[in-house]
Amino acid sequence: MKNLLILIFVTGMASWHLHAQPCFSPTITSPRLGYFNSAPNSILFCDNNDTEILSTQTYDTYQWYKQEWAAVPPGVPNPNPWIAITGANSQTYTINGTDDLLYYFKVEATLDSCTEESPAILADGYNFGLPYLIATFQPGTYQFIGNGTYNVCNGASVLLENGFDQVYGLHTWYKCIPSDLPPFQGDPCIIPNENGDTYTATTTGFYGFWACTSYCPDICLFLGLPAFIQLNFGDWSFCSLGNPEFSSNHVKLYPNPTTQVLFVGNQSDNQKTLLKIMDMSGKVVFSMSDYHYGEPIDLSKLEAGSYLLVSETEEGKIFRNKFVKK
């Protein structure tokens, strides 16, 4: 009798274990899902009118659900309910940047009378940011004149780059005011064979760019003439001094790369600043309105990747720095 009870118990456990296993495992796929390593379960839109097709494997029936995103700490359940989307009963479902931004999506599928759900994915935001120009000068080789104009020593170079380099792909660099937009072959202001997100200037010119996004290749933007930079190369009197006569557009960051804590500037600077950290899509992921130089910034909640730090002092000086979170 004892052996019979043990056999019944073991058989029952085995049967429960078999029924606890999923019959099948549906998943959601789309062309852009996981495009960025830092967000493997997210989709980013290009703009409000952008659409993306979600799809799953072939089953008997389908029901798509959506759940509004909520700002809750990690590990805390989302309080918003999952809502069955009316009429969403196909193998595919199309989402758009107007109605579906910051919503989770999942699909419930049935196969041979067994029903399973897919893991959820998030329509996270926009992979977009207005282009802007960063100029990096060699110490002791430049002087700020005003109104976006710099005098630079002959023999020196200035690194120009698009601040949102991971958003934009194909660039057209200009050395003077373009004749027309979009760029056209034969414009004398176009710098030939320069299509990357950086350009190193060594001669006098009025520099800027036109850029098309890599994630959304149909979106192209002009930097705008007010954001162009005038570089005047020459044998200026300050060139023999070997000391910069004005501050660059960067402030000290350390450690960089960082794993958890970042410091900006030095406590001795006694500066109060408005601080923002953006990811490479242009999304603000951290901000402080009264940051003091030299204070530690806890970045432990940020995903690994490249970021842009923008700090504006009370005097109106703006500094931009890239850093890497490991």
C-alpha atoms as a PDB file:
ATOM      1  CA  MET A   1       0.000   0.000   0.000  1.00  0.00           C
ATOM      2  CA  LYS A   2       2.849   2.375   0.893  1.00  0.00           C
ATOM      3  CA  ASN A   3       4.607   1.684  -2.415  1.00  0.00           C
ATOM      4  CA  LEU A   4       1.352   2.273  -4.277  1.00  0.00           C
ATOM      5  CA  LEU A   5       0.886   5.694  -2.618  1.00  0.00           C
ATOM      6  CA  ILE A   6       4.450   6.692  -3.488  1.00  0.00           C
ATOM      7  CA  LEU A   7       3.893   5.619  -7.098  1.00  0.00           C
ATOM      8  CA  ILE A   8       0.652   7.631  -7.300  1.00  0.00           C
ATOM      9  CA  PHE A   9       2.399  10.698  -5.794  1.00  0.00           C
ATOM     10  CA  VAL A  10       5.350  10.506  -8.184  1.00  0.00           C
ATOM     11  CA  THR A  11       3.057   9.955 -11.161  1.00  0.00           C
ATOM     12  CA  GLY A  12       0.966  12.948 -10.120  1.00  0.00           C
ATOM     13  CA  MET A  13       4.029  15.175  -9.759  1.00  0.00           C
ATOM     14  CA  ALA A  14       5.285  14.128 -13.182  1.00  0.00           C
ATOM     15  CA  SER A  15       1.888  14.849 -14.706  1.00  0.00           C
ATOM     16  CA  TRP A  16       1.765  18.307 -13.041  1.00  0.00           C
ATOM     17  CA  HIS A  17       5.267  19.080 -14.273  1.00  0.00           C
ATOM     18  CA  LEU A  18       4.324  18.175 -17.831  1.00  0.00           C
ATOM     19  CA  HIS A  19       1.217  20.376 -17.721  1.00  0.00           C
ATOM     20  CA  ALA A  20       3.226  23.274 -16.199  1.00  0.00           C
ATOM     21  CA  GLN A  21       5.482  23.452 -19.241  1.00  0.00           C
ATOM     22  CA  PRO A  22       4.269  25.797 -21.989  1.00  0.00           C
ATOM     23  CA  CYS A  23       2.763  24.121 -25.040  1.00  0.00           C
ATOM     24  CA  PHE A  24       4.647  26.611 -27.205  1.00  0.00           C
ATOM     25  CA  SER A  25       6.456  29.945 -26.768  1.00  0.00           C
ATOM     26  CA  PRO A  26       5.199  32.784 -28.945  1.00  0.00           C
ATOM     27  CA  THR A  27       7.493  35.770 -29.464  1.00  0.00           C
ATOM     28  CA  ILE A  28       7.104  39.188 -31.052  1.00  0.00           C
ATOM     29  CA  THR A  29       9.391  40.248 -33.882  1.00  0.00           C
ATOM     30  CA  SER A  30       9.719  43.462 -35.897  1.00  0.00           C
ATOM     31  CA  PRO A  31      12.403  45.014 -38.103  1.00  0.00           C
ATOM     32  CA  ARG A  32      13.444  47.513 -35.422  1.00  0.00           C
ATOM     33  CA  LEU A  33      13.024  45.464 -32.274  1.00  0.00           C
ATOM     34  CA  GLY A  34      16.359  45.312 -30.465  1.00  0.00           C
ATOM     35  CA  TYR A  35      18.044  47.673 -32.946  1.00  0.00           C
ATOM     36  CA  PHE A  36      19.950  49.183 -30.015  1.00  0.00           C
ATOM     37  CA  ASN A  37      21.832  46.803 -27.745  1.00  0.00           C
ATOM     38  CA  SER A  38      20.943  48.908 -24.714  1.00  0.00           C
ATOM     39  CA  ALA A  39      17.208  48.288 -25.317  1.00  0.00           C
ATOM     40  CA  PRO A  40      16.786  44.740 -26.704  1.00  0.00           C
ATOM     41  CA  ASN A  41      13.042  44.595 -25.980  1.00  0.00           C
ATOM     42  CA  SER A  42      12.152  48.068 -27.230  1.00  0.00           C
ATOM     43  CA  ILE A  43      11.120  49.747 -30.461  1.00  0.00           C
ATOM     44  CA  LEU A  44      11.824  53.400 -31.254  1.00  0.00           C
ATOM     45  CA  PHE A  45       9.791  55.488 -33.686  1.00  0.00           C
ATOM     46  CA  CYS A  46      11.102  58.087 -36.119  1.00  0.00           C
ATOM     47  CA  ASP A  47       8.223  60.557 -35.672  1.00  0.00           C
ATOM     48  CA  ASN A  48       4.498  60.750 -34.909  1.00  0.00           C
ATOM     49  CA  ASN A  49       3.520  59.404 -38.320  1.00  0.00           C
ATOM     50  CA  ASP A  50       5.911  56.464 -38.206  1.00  0.00           C
ATOM     51  CA  THR A  51       4.530  52.914 -38.120  1.00  0.00           C
ATOM     52  CA  GLU A  52       5.990  49.555 -37.181  1.00  0.00           C
ATOM     53  CA  ILE A  53       4.597  46.075 -37.852  1.00  0.00           C
ATOM     54  CA  LEU A  54       4.690  43.570 -34.996  1.00  0.00           C
ATOM     55  CA  SER A  55       4.383  39.906 -35.878  1.00  0.00           C
ATOM     56  CA  THR A  56       4.482  36.496 -34.240  1.00  0.00           C
ATOM     57  CA  GLN A  57       4.689  32.883 -35.383  1.00  0.00           C
ATOM     58  CA  THR A  58       1.844  31.013 -37.103  1.00  0.00           C
ATOM     59  CA  TYR A  59      -0.867  29.791 -34.708  1.00  0.00           C
ATOM     60  CA  ASP A  60      -4.613  29.115 -34.779  1.00  0.00           C
ATOM     61  CA  THR A  61      -5.852  32.352 -33.168  1.00  0.00           C
ATOM     62  CA  TYR A  62      -4.363  35.632 -31.918  1.00  0.00           C
ATOM     63  CA  GLN A  63      -5.264  38.430 -29.528  1.00  0.00           C
ATOM     64  CA  TRP A  64      -2.997  41.470 -29.120  1.00  0.00           C
ATOM     65  CA  TYR A  65      -2.857  43.435 -25.868  1.00  0.00           C
ATOM     66  CA  LYS A  66      -1.394  46.795 -24.823  1.00  0.00           C
ATOM     67  CA  GLN A  67      -0.467  48.242 -21.433  1.00  0.00           C
ATOM     68  CA  GLU A  68       0.450  51.844 -20.713  1.00  0.00           C
ATOM     69  CA  TRP A  69       3.985  52.372 -19.416  1.00  0.00           C
ATOM     70  CA  ALA A  70       4.315  53.555 -15.803  1.00  0.00           C
ATOM     71  CA  ALA A  71       7.183  55.276 -14.004  1.00  0.00           C
ATOM     72  CA  VAL A  72       7.734  52.713 -11.259  1.00  0.00           C
ATOM     73  CA  PRO A  73      10.990  51.571  -9.613  1.00  0.00           C
ATOM     74  CA  PRO A  74      12.611  48.362 -10.873  1.00  0.00           C
ATOM     75  CA  GLY A  75      10.846  45.299  -9.480  1.00  0.00           C
ATOM     76  CA  VAL A  76       7.574  47.138  -8.805  1.00  0.00           C
ATOM     77  CA  PRO A  77       4.645  45.838 -10.907  1.00  0.00           C
ATOM     78  CA  ASN A  78       3.087  48.142 -13.468  1.00  0.00           C
ATOM     79  CA  PRO A  79      -0.285  49.236 -12.010  1.00  0.00           C
ATOM     80  CA  ASN A  80      -1.852  49.803 -15.436  1.00  0.00           C
ATOM     81  CA  PRO A  81      -4.017  46.955 -16.778  1.00  0.00           C
ATOM     82  CA  TRP A  82      -3.427  44.949 -19.921  1.00  0.00           C
ATOM     83  CA  ILE A  83      -6.191  45.824 -22.400  1.00  0.00           C
ATOM     84  CA  ALA A  84      -7.280  43.588 -25.265  1.00  0.00           C
ATOM     85  CA  ILE A  85      -7.051  45.590 -28.496  1.00  0.00           C
ATOM     86  CA  THR A  86     -10.356  45.451 -30.336  1.00  0.00           C
ATOM     87  CA  GLY A  87     -10.022  43.794 -33.727  1.00  0.00           C
ATOM     88  CA  ALA A  88      -6.356  42.883 -33.218  1.00  0.00           C
ATOM     89  CA  ASN A  89      -6.742  39.188 -34.003  1.00  0.00           C
ATOM     90  CA  SER A  90      -4.213  38.659 -36.777  1.00  0.00           C
ATOM     91  CA  GLN A  91      -0.687  37.326 -36.883  1.00  0.00           C
ATOM     92  CA  THR A  92       0.545  40.915 -37.267  1.00  0.00           C
ATOM     93  CA  TYR A  93      -0.348  44.192 -35.595  1.00  0.00           C
ATOM     94  CA  THR A  94       0.709  47.689 -36.704  1.00  0.00           C
ATOM     95  CA  ILE A  95       1.625  50.333 -34.131  1.00  0.00           C
ATOM     96  CA  ASN A  96       2.299  54.038 -34.723  1.00  0.00           C
ATOM     97  CA  GLY A  97       4.122  56.936 -33.110  1.00  0.00           C
ATOM     98  CA  THR A  98       0.951  58.876 -32.288  1.00  0.00           C
ATOM     99  CA  ASP A  99      -1.241  56.359 -30.456  1.00  0.00           C
ATOM    100  CA  ASP A 100       1.201  53.768 -29.190  1.00  0.00           C
ATOM    101  CA  LEU A 101       4.156  55.666 -27.779  1.00  0.00           C
ATOM    102  CA  LEU A 102       5.144  54.404 -24.308  1.00  0.00           C
ATOM    103  CA  TYR A 103       2.936  51.316 -24.402  1.00  0.00           C
ATOM    104  CA  TYR A 104       3.837  47.679 -23.843  1.00  0.00           C
ATOM    105  CA  PHE A 105       2.528  45.073 -26.283  1.00  0.00           C
ATOM    106  CA  LYS A 106       2.077  41.310 -26.102  1.00  0.00           C
ATOM    107  CA  VAL A 107       0.175  38.691 -28.063  1.00  0.00           C
ATOM    108  CA  GLU A 108      -1.903  35.785 -26.788  1.00  0.00           C
ATOM    109  CA  ALA A 109      -1.961  32.864 -29.216  1.00  0.00           C
ATOM    110  CA  THR A 110      -3.831  29.563 -29.344  1.00  0.00           C
ATOM    111  CA  LEU A 111      -2.585  26.356 -30.952  1.00  0.00           C
ATOM    112  CA  ASP A 112      -4.382  23.004 -30.712  1.00  0.00           C
ATOM    113  CA  SER A 113      -6.579  24.277 -27.844  1.00  0.00           C
ATOM    114  CA  CYS A 114      -3.526  25.456 -25.867  1.00  0.00           C
ATOM    115  CA  THR A 115      -3.137  29.205 -25.167  1.00  0.00           C
ATOM    116  CA  GLU A 116       0.151  30.975 -24.397  1.00  0.00           C
ATOM    117  CA  GLU A 117       1.371  34.580 -24.163  1.00  0.00           C
ATOM    118  CA  SER A 118       4.481  36.197 -25.602  1.00  0.00           C
ATOM    119  CA  PRO A 119       6.942  38.291 -23.583  1.00  0.00           C
ATOM    120  CA  ALA A 120       6.085  41.994 -23.735  1.00  0.00           C
ATOM    121  CA  ILE A 121       7.902  44.593 -25.827  1.00  0.00           C
ATOM    122  CA  LEU A 122       7.879  48.380 -25.355  1.00  0.00           C
ATOM    123  CA  ALA A 123       7.279  51.161 -27.875  1.00  0.00           C
ATOM    124  CA  ASP A 124       9.781  53.283 -26.023  1.00  0.00           C
ATOM    125  CA  GLY A 125      10.042  56.667 -27.727  1.00  0.00           C
ATOM    126  CA  TYR A 126      11.731  58.419 -30.616  1.00  0.00           C
ATOM    127  CA  ASN A 127      15.180  57.705 -31.972  1.00  0.00           C
ATOM    128  CA  PHE A 128      15.634  61.313 -32.887  1.00  0.00           C
ATOM    129  CA  GLY A 129      17.337  64.480 -31.779  1.00  0.00           C
ATOM    130  CA  LEU A 130      18.032  67.749 -33.539  1.00  0.00           C
ATOM    131  CA  PRO A 131      21.590  67.811 -34.880  1.00  0.00           C
ATOM    132  CA  TYR A 132      24.102  70.140 -33.287  1.00  0.00           C
ATOM    133  CA  LEU A 133      27.761  70.871 -33.850  1.00  0.00           C
ATOM    134  CA  ILE A 134      30.569  70.137 -31.383  1.00  0.00           C
ATOM    135  CA  ALA A 135      33.959  71.730 -32.067  1.00  0.00           C
ATOM    136  CA  THR A 136      37.050  70.385 -30.306  1.00  0.00           C
ATOM    137  CA  PHE A 137      40.110  72.637 -30.412  1.00  0.00           C
ATOM    138  CA  GLN A 138      43.752  71.921 -29.656  1.00  0.00           C
ATOM    139  CA  PRO A 139      44.864  73.798 -26.513  1.00  0.00           C
ATOM    140  CA  GLY A 140      46.730  77.016 -27.206  1.00  0.00           C
ATOM    141  CA  THR A 141      45.743  77.193 -30.868  1.00  0.00           C
ATOM    142  CA  TYR A 142      42.510  79.205 -30.899  1.00  0.00           C
ATOM    143  CA  GLN A 143      40.772  82.367 -29.756  1.00  0.00           C
ATOM    144  CA  PHE A 144      37.067  83.085 -29.509  1.00  0.00           C
ATOM    145  CA  ILE A 145      36.080  86.273 -31.332  1.00  0.00           C
ATOM    146  CA  GLY A 146      32.333  86.082 -30.753  1.00  0.00           C
ATOM    147  CA  ASN A 147      29.180  85.228 -32.700  1.00  0.00           C
ATOM    148  CA  GLY A 148      30.372  81.711 -33.484  1.00  0.00           C
ATOM    149  CA  THR A 149      33.734  82.874 -34.846  1.00  0.00           C
ATOM    150  CA  TYR A 150      37.157  81.566 -33.855  1.00  0.00           C
ATOM    151  CA  ASN A 151      40.689  82.475 -34.890  1.00  0.00           C
ATOM    152  CA  VAL A 152      42.857  79.359 -35.184  1.00  0.00           C
ATOM    153  CA  CYS A 153      46.613  79.027 -35.596  1.00  0.00           C
ATOM    154  CA  ASN A 154      47.968  77.811 -38.923  1.00  0.00           C
ATOM    155  CA  GLY A 155      49.044  74.178 -38.670  1.00  0.00           C
ATOM    156  CA  ALA A 156      46.416  73.370 -36.044  1.00  0.00           C
ATOM    157  CA  SER A 157      43.181  71.481 -36.646  1.00  0.00           C
ATOM    158  CA  VAL A 158      39.633  71.593 -35.304  1.00  0.00           C
ATOM    159  CA  LEU A 159      37.539  68.438 -34.944  1.00  0.00           C
ATOM    160  CA  LEU A 160      33.917  69.077 -35.899  1.00  0.00           C
ATOM    161  CA  GLU A 161      31.278  66.476 -35.072  1.00  0.00           C
ATOM    162  CA  ASN A 162      27.555  65.935 -34.957  1.00  0.00           C
ATOM    163  CA  GLY A 163      26.570  65.731 -31.295  1.00  0.00           C
ATOM    164  CA  PHE A 164      24.045  62.985 -32.062  1.00  0.00           C
ATOM    165  CA  ASP A 165      26.438  60.813 -34.042  1.00  0.00           C
ATOM    166  CA  GLN A 166      24.569  57.575 -33.262  1.00  0.00           C
ATOM    167  CA  VAL A 167      21.300  58.981 -34.598  1.00  0.00           C
ATOM    168  CA  TYR A 168      22.593  60.287 -37.910  1.00  0.00           C
ATOM    169  CA  GLY A 169      24.307  58.393 -40.710  1.00  0.00           C
ATOM    170  CA  LEU A 170      25.057  60.060 -44.041  1.00  0.00           C
ATOM    171  CA  HIS A 171      26.433  63.618 -43.690  1.00  0.00           C
ATOM    172  CA  THR A 172      27.150  66.385 -46.176  1.00  0.00           C
ATOM    173  CA  TRP A 173      29.736  68.841 -44.827  1.00  0.00           C
ATOM    174  CA  TYR A 174      29.870  72.471 -45.935  1.00  0.00           C
ATOM    175  CA  LYS A 175      32.706  75.021 -45.842  1.00  0.00           C
ATOM    176  CA  CYS A 176      30.474  77.976 -46.762  1.00  0.00           C
ATOM    177  CA  ILE A 177      26.776  78.851 -47.099  1.00  0.00           C
ATOM    178  CA  PRO A 178      25.163  76.237 -49.391  1.00  0.00           C
ATOM    179  CA  SER A 179      23.560  77.435 -52.597  1.00  0.00           C
ATOM    180  CA  ASP A 180      20.412  75.380 -52.059  1.00  0.00           C
ATOM    181  CA  LEU A 181      18.917  72.557 -50.024  1.00  0.00           C
ATOM    182  CA  PRO A 182      18.841  69.593 -50.107  1.00  0.00           C
ATOM    183  CA  PRO A 183      22.476  69.138 -51.180  1.00  0.00           C
ATOM    184  CA  PHE A 184      23.110  68.865 -54.896  1.00  0.00           C
ATOM    185  CA  GLN A 185      26.120  67.818 -56.932  1.00  0.00           C
ATOM    186  CA  GLY A 186      28.158  70.789 -58.058  1.00  0.00           C
ATOM    187  CA  ASP A 187      27.596  73.010 -55.016  1.00  0.00           C
ATOM    188  CA  PRO A 188      31.062  74.543 -54.417  1.00  0.00           C
ATOM    189  CA  CYS A 189      30.403  74.750 -50.680  1.00  0.00           C
ATOM    190  CA  ILE A 190      30.179  70.962 -50.290  1.00  0.00           C
ATOM    191  CA  ILE A 191      33.387  69.346 -49.026  1.00  0.00           C
ATOM    192  CA  PRO A 192      33.925  66.372 -51.371  1.00  0.00           C
ATOM    193  CA  ASN A 193      34.198  62.800 -50.078  1.00  0.00           C
ATOM    194  CA  GLU A 194      33.320  63.769 -46.496  1.00  0.00           C
ATOM    195  CA  ASN A 195      30.180  61.868 -45.467  1.00  0.00           C
ATOM    196  CA  GLY A 196      30.863  60.775 -41.884  1.00  0.00           C
ATOM    197  CA  ASP A 197      29.681  62.316 -38.618  1.00  0.00           C
ATOM    198  CA  THR A 198      33.033  64.075 -38.058  1.00  0.00           C
ATOM    199  CA  TYR A 199      35.215  66.397 -40.109  1.00  0.00           C
ATOM    200  CA  THR A 200      38.653  67.806 -39.273  1.00  0.00           C
ATOM    201  CA  ALA A 201      39.023  71.413 -40.425  1.00  0.00           C
ATOM    202  CA  THR A 202      42.486  72.801 -41.250  1.00  0.00           C
ATOM    203  CA  THR A 203      41.591  75.767 -43.488  1.00  0.00           C
ATOM    204  CA  THR A 204      39.444  78.869 -43.160  1.00  0.00           C
ATOM    205  CA  GLY A 205      35.752  78.294 -43.713  1.00  0.00           C
ATOM    206  CA  PHE A 206      32.169  78.616 -42.485  1.00  0.00           C
ATOM    207  CA  TYR A 207      31.443  75.034 -41.408  1.00  0.00           C
ATOM    208  CA  GLY A 208      28.258  73.056 -40.893  1.00  0.00           C
ATOM    209  CA  PHE A 209      26.426  70.015 -42.244  1.00  0.00           C
ATOM    210  CA  TRP A 210      23.298  68.358 -43.595  1.00  0.00           C
ATOM    211  CA  ALA A 211      22.588  64.914 -42.109  1.00  0.00           C
ATOM    212  CA  CYS A 212      20.175  62.033 -42.597  1.00  0.00           C
ATOM    213  CA  THR A 213      19.266  59.750 -39.716  1.00  0.00           C
ATOM    214  CA  SER A 214      20.588  56.201 -39.918  1.00  0.00           C
ATOM    215  CA  TYR A 215      17.649  54.658 -38.059  1.00  0.00           C
ATOM    216  CA  CYS A 216      15.111  56.662 -40.051  1.00  0.00           C
ATOM    217  CA  PRO A 217      16.886  57.282 -43.384  1.00  0.00           C
ATOM    218  CA  ASP A 218      14.050  59.390 -44.827  1.00  0.00           C
ATOM    219  CA  ILE A 219      14.553  62.111 -42.197  1.00  0.00           C
ATOM    220  CA  CYS A 220      17.257  64.604 -43.187  1.00  0.00           C
ATOM    221  CA  LEU A 221      17.946  67.892 -41.431  1.00  0.00           C
ATOM    222  CA  PHE A 222      20.084  70.963 -42.012  1.00  0.00           C
ATOM    223  CA  LEU A 223      22.137  72.175 -39.062  1.00  0.00           C
ATOM    224  CA  GLY A 224      20.993  75.752 -39.685  1.00  0.00           C
ATOM    225  CA  LEU A 225      23.211  78.741 -40.455  1.00  0.00           C
ATOM    226  CA  PRO A 226      23.087  80.175 -36.889  1.00  0.00           C
ATOM    227  CA  ALA A 227      24.723  76.926 -35.707  1.00  0.00           C
ATOM    228  CA  PHE A 228      27.504  77.023 -38.313  1.00  0.00           C
ATOM    229  CA  ILE A 229      30.986  77.882 -37.068  1.00  0.00           C
ATOM    230  CA  GLN A 230      33.425  80.341 -38.656  1.00  0.00           C
ATOM    231  CA  LEU A 231      37.071  79.252 -38.424  1.00  0.00           C
ATOM    232  CA  ASN A 232      39.753  81.751 -39.456  1.00  0.00           C
ATOM    233  CA  PHE A 233      43.158  80.082 -39.766  1.00  0.00           C
ATOM    234  CA  GLY A 234      46.186  82.381 -39.641  1.00  0.00           C
ATOM    235  CA  ASP A 235      49.411  83.369 -37.898  1.00  0.00           C
ATOM    236  CA  TRP A 236      47.710  85.161 -35.035  1.00  0.00           C
ATOM    237  CA  SER A 237      49.653  86.923 -32.295  1.00  0.00           C
ATOM    238  CA  PHE A 238      48.456  84.534 -29.601  1.00  0.00           C
ATOM    239  CA  CYS A 239      49.753  81.505 -31.498  1.00  0.00           C
ATOM    240  CA  SER A 240      53.239  81.890 -29.997  1.00  0.00           C
ATOM    241  CA  LEU A 241      51.907  81.929 -26.439  1.00  0.00           C
ATOM    242  CA  GLY A 242      50.979  78.254 -26.366  1.00  0.00           C
ATOM    243  CA  ASN A 243      48.057  78.897 -24.001  1.00  0.00           C
ATOM    244  CA  PRO A 244      44.361  78.892 -24.785  1.00  0.00           C
ATOM    245  CA  GLU A 245      42.772  82.291 -24.279  1.00  0.00           C
ATOM    246  CA  PHE A 246      39.277  80.993 -23.677  1.00  0.00           C
ATOM    247  CA  SER A 247      37.622  77.852 -22.410  1.00  0.00           C
ATOM    248  CA  SER A 248      36.640  75.035 -24.719  1.00  0.00           C
ATOM    249  CA  ASN A 249      33.079  73.730 -24.824  1.00  0.00           C
ATOM    250  CA  HIS A 250      33.995  70.805 -22.583  1.00  0.00           C
ATOM    251  CA  VAL A 251      34.245  70.456 -18.812  1.00  0.00           C
ATOM    252  CA  LYS A 252      36.196  67.845 -16.879  1.00  0.00           C
ATOM    253  CA  LEU A 253      34.434  64.474 -16.434  1.00  0.00           C
ATOM    254  CA  TYR A 254      35.887  61.641 -14.398  1.00  0.00           C
ATOM    255  CA  PRO A 255      36.132  58.724 -14.382  1.00  0.00           C
ATOM    256  CA  ASN A 256      35.327  58.272 -18.072  1.00  0.00           C
ATOM    257  CA  PRO A 257      34.366  55.518 -18.858  1.00  0.00           C
ATOM    258  CA  THR A 258      32.543  55.031 -15.566  1.00  0.00           C
ATOM    259  CA  THR A 259      30.762  52.081 -14.019  1.00  0.00           C
ATOM    260  CA  GLN A 260      28.585  53.801 -11.422  1.00  0.00           C
ATOM    261  CA  VAL A 261      29.625  57.293 -10.241  1.00  0.00           C
ATOM    262  CA  LEU A 262      30.537  60.334 -12.351  1.00  0.00           C
ATOM    263  CA  PHE A 263      32.078  63.627 -11.255  1.00  0.00           C
ATOM    264  CA  VAL A 264      31.765  66.860 -13.223  1.00  0.00           C
ATOM    265  CA  GLY A 265      34.336  69.627 -12.746  1.00  0.00           C
ATOM    266  CA  ASN A 266      36.064  70.257  -9.427  1.00  0.00           C
ATOM    267  CA  GLN A 267      34.687  71.371  -6.070  1.00  0.00           C
ATOM    268  CA  SER A 268      37.194  74.225  -6.167  1.00  0.00           C
ATOM    269  CA  ASP A 269      35.358  75.610  -9.213  1.00  0.00           C
ATOM    270  CA  ASN A 270      32.467  76.548  -6.885  1.00  0.00           C
ATOM    271  CA  GLN A 271      30.026  76.375  -9.783  1.00  0.00           C
ATOM    272  CA  LYS A 272      26.312  75.654  -9.683  1.00  0.00           C
ATOM    273  CA  THR A 273      24.898  74.290 -12.921  1.00  0.00           C
ATOM    274  CA  LEU A 274      21.809  72.916 -14.624  1.00  0.00           C
ATOM    275  CA  LEU A 275      22.739  69.388 -15.635  1.00  0.00           C
ATOM    276  CA  LYS A 276      21.150  67.039 -18.188  1.00  0.00           C
ATOM    277  CA  ILE A 277      22.246  63.617 -19.425  1.00  0.00           C
ATOM    278  CA  MET A 278      20.858  62.355 -22.736  1.00  0.00           C
ATOM    279  CA  ASP A 279      21.215  59.033 -24.464  1.00  0.00           C
ATOM    280  CA  MET A 280      22.204  58.871 -28.111  1.00  0.00           C
ATOM    281  CA  SER A 281      18.565  59.072 -29.190  1.00  0.00           C
ATOM    282  CA  GLY A 282      18.250  62.498 -27.575  1.00  0.00           C
ATOM    283  CA  LYS A 283      16.102  61.283 -24.686  1.00  0.00           C
ATOM    284  CA  VAL A 284      16.852  62.966 -21.349  1.00  0.00           C
ATOM    285  CA  VAL A 285      17.589  60.144 -18.911  1.00  0.00           C
ATOM    286  CA  PHE A 286      18.876  62.218 -15.962  1.00  0.00           C
ATOM    287  CA  SER A 287      18.628  65.866 -14.882  1.00  0.00           C
ATOM    288  CA  MET A 288      19.539  68.073 -11.914  1.00  0.00           C
ATOM    289  CA  SER A 289      18.632  71.745 -11.593  1.00  0.00           C
ATOM    290  CA  ASP A 290      21.140  72.655  -8.880  1.00  0.00           C
ATOM    291  CA  TYR A 291      24.194  70.462  -9.399  1.00  0.00           C
ATOM    292  CA  HIS A 292      27.450  71.703  -7.849  1.00  0.00           C
ATOM    293  CA  TYR A 293      30.718  70.816  -9.556  1.00  0.00           C
ATOM    294  CA  GLY A 294      32.612  68.023  -7.860  1.00  0.00           C
ATOM    295  CA  GLU A 295      29.569  66.262  -6.395  1.00  0.00           C
ATOM    296  CA  PRO A 296      29.174  62.542  -7.225  1.00  0.00           C
ATOM    297  CA  ILE A 297      26.411  61.609  -9.672  1.00  0.00           C
ATOM    298  CA  ASP A 298      24.945  58.131  -9.212  1.00  0.00           C
ATOM    299  CA  LEU A 299      24.565  56.531 -12.654  1.00  0.00           C
ATOM    300  CA  SER A 300      23.937  52.980 -11.464  1.00  0.00           C
ATOM    301  CA  LYS A 301      20.440  52.956 -13.010  1.00  0.00           C
ATOM    302  CA  LEU A 302      21.660  53.892 -16.488  1.00  0.00           C
ATOM    303  CA  GLU A 303      22.101  51.199 -19.104  1.00  0.00           C
ATOM    304  CA  ALA A 304      25.591  50.630 -20.486  1.00  0.00           C
ATOM    305  CA  GLY A 305      26.279  52.829 -23.492  1.00  0.00           C
ATOM    306  CA  SER A 306      27.334  56.273 -24.718  1.00  0.00           C
ATOM    307  CA  TYR A 307      25.746  59.441 -23.322  1.00  0.00           C
ATOM    308  CA  LEU A 308      25.914  63.209 -23.749  1.00  0.00           C
ATOM    309  CA  LEU A 309      26.201  65.426 -20.666  1.00  0.00           C
ATOM    310  CA  VAL A 310      25.097  69.048 -21.043  1.00  0.00           C
ATOM    311  CA  SER A 311      25.735  71.512 -18.209  1.00  0.00           C
ATOM    312  CA  GLU A 312      24.747  75.183 -18.146  1.00  0.00           C
ATOM    313  CA  THR A 313      26.256  77.485 -15.523  1.00  0.00           C
ATOM    314  CA  GLU A 314      24.463  80.396 -13.862  1.00  0.00           C
ATOM    315  CA  GLU A 315      26.479  82.700 -16.134  1.00  0.00           C
ATOM    316  CA  GLY A 316      24.961  81.020 -19.181  1.00  0.00           C
ATOM    317  CA  LYS A 317      28.015  79.030 -20.284  1.00  0.00           C
ATOM    318  CA  ILE A 318      27.076  75.694 -21.844  1.00  0.00           C
ATOM    319  CA  PHE A 319      29.411  72.693 -21.800  1.00  0.00           C
ATOM    320  CA  ARG A 320      28.882  69.420 -23.675  1.00  0.00           C
ATOM    321  CA  ASN A 321      30.733  66.202 -22.997  1.00  0.00           C
ATOM    322  CA  LYS A 322      30.414  62.632 -24.143  1.00  0.00           C
ATOM    323  CA  PHE A 323      30.969  59.828 -21.672  1.00  0.00           C
ATOM    324  CA  VAL A 324      30.616  56.064 -21.585  1.00  0.00           C
ATOM    325  CA  LYS A 325      28.738  54.043 -18.954  1.00  0.00           C
ATOM    326  CA  LYS A 326      30.065  50.479 -18.658  1.00  0.00           C
END
